[in-house]
Amino acid sequence: MPEAWLDQRGLESLHAIEEEDGFSEAVIGGAAVPGPRTGVTQSRLGYCWSHLAVVFPEQKEFARAAEKSFRLPPLDSGSRVYDHSFFLLFMAWYFRLTGDRSAIGRLRERYDGITAFLDDAGAGGFGEQTPGIRRHNPYMHLLEALLATFQNTADEYWLGEAREIVKLFFHQLRDEQTGLVFEFLNPDWSVTAERRIEIG
């Protein structure tokens, strides 16, 4: 983590992207970029503030920013599991920071929505298969959120859900022949002709 976050310049950077009704979506050259906010970016920011506040409790501005993010009306995150996973991660870390049980209530409600009808992560995961290319990336972030929720609540339910993602990884996402995880998959989970691999 850059040390700049911990000095006055870091806090000034926080204020540079903060607006009365939320936080800017992007910063270029130290200046906030105007434009509509998205659920995924605002969730990522809320997660960052919460995590930073846990790691650096002496920096009260991080906890204040996390609380502000939590109070803002949640923005529409669309139907992508990828986007919703960051909301889950935000709620898990905000609960760790504050002990506010309503964060877990929000998390559970959103997770129930994912498992009930959101299918953008692909066939075999969260609903009926829809046409289009699949990615392993949404499952990675969903697993991250589930593990964080288990870590921060000690509720075995979330560990069980995380184990289901691990099973999915070995049965669908990991290529049996090569042991590789390709970035893009066809709707039937076969590897696309591009056979693209991303480091990260």
Foldseek 3Di string as FASTA:
>chain_A
DDCCCVDPNVVVLQVQQDDPQAGAQDDDPSHGDDDDDELQSLLQLLLVLLVCCVVCVVPVVSVVNNVSSVPHDRHDNPQDLQSLLSLLSSLLSNCLRPVPCVSVVVNVVSVVVQQADRAQQAPPGRHDGDFDKHFCVSLVSNLVSLVSNCVRPVDCVSVVVSVVSVVCCVPQQQDPVPRAGFGIAGRVSHRDPVSHDDDD
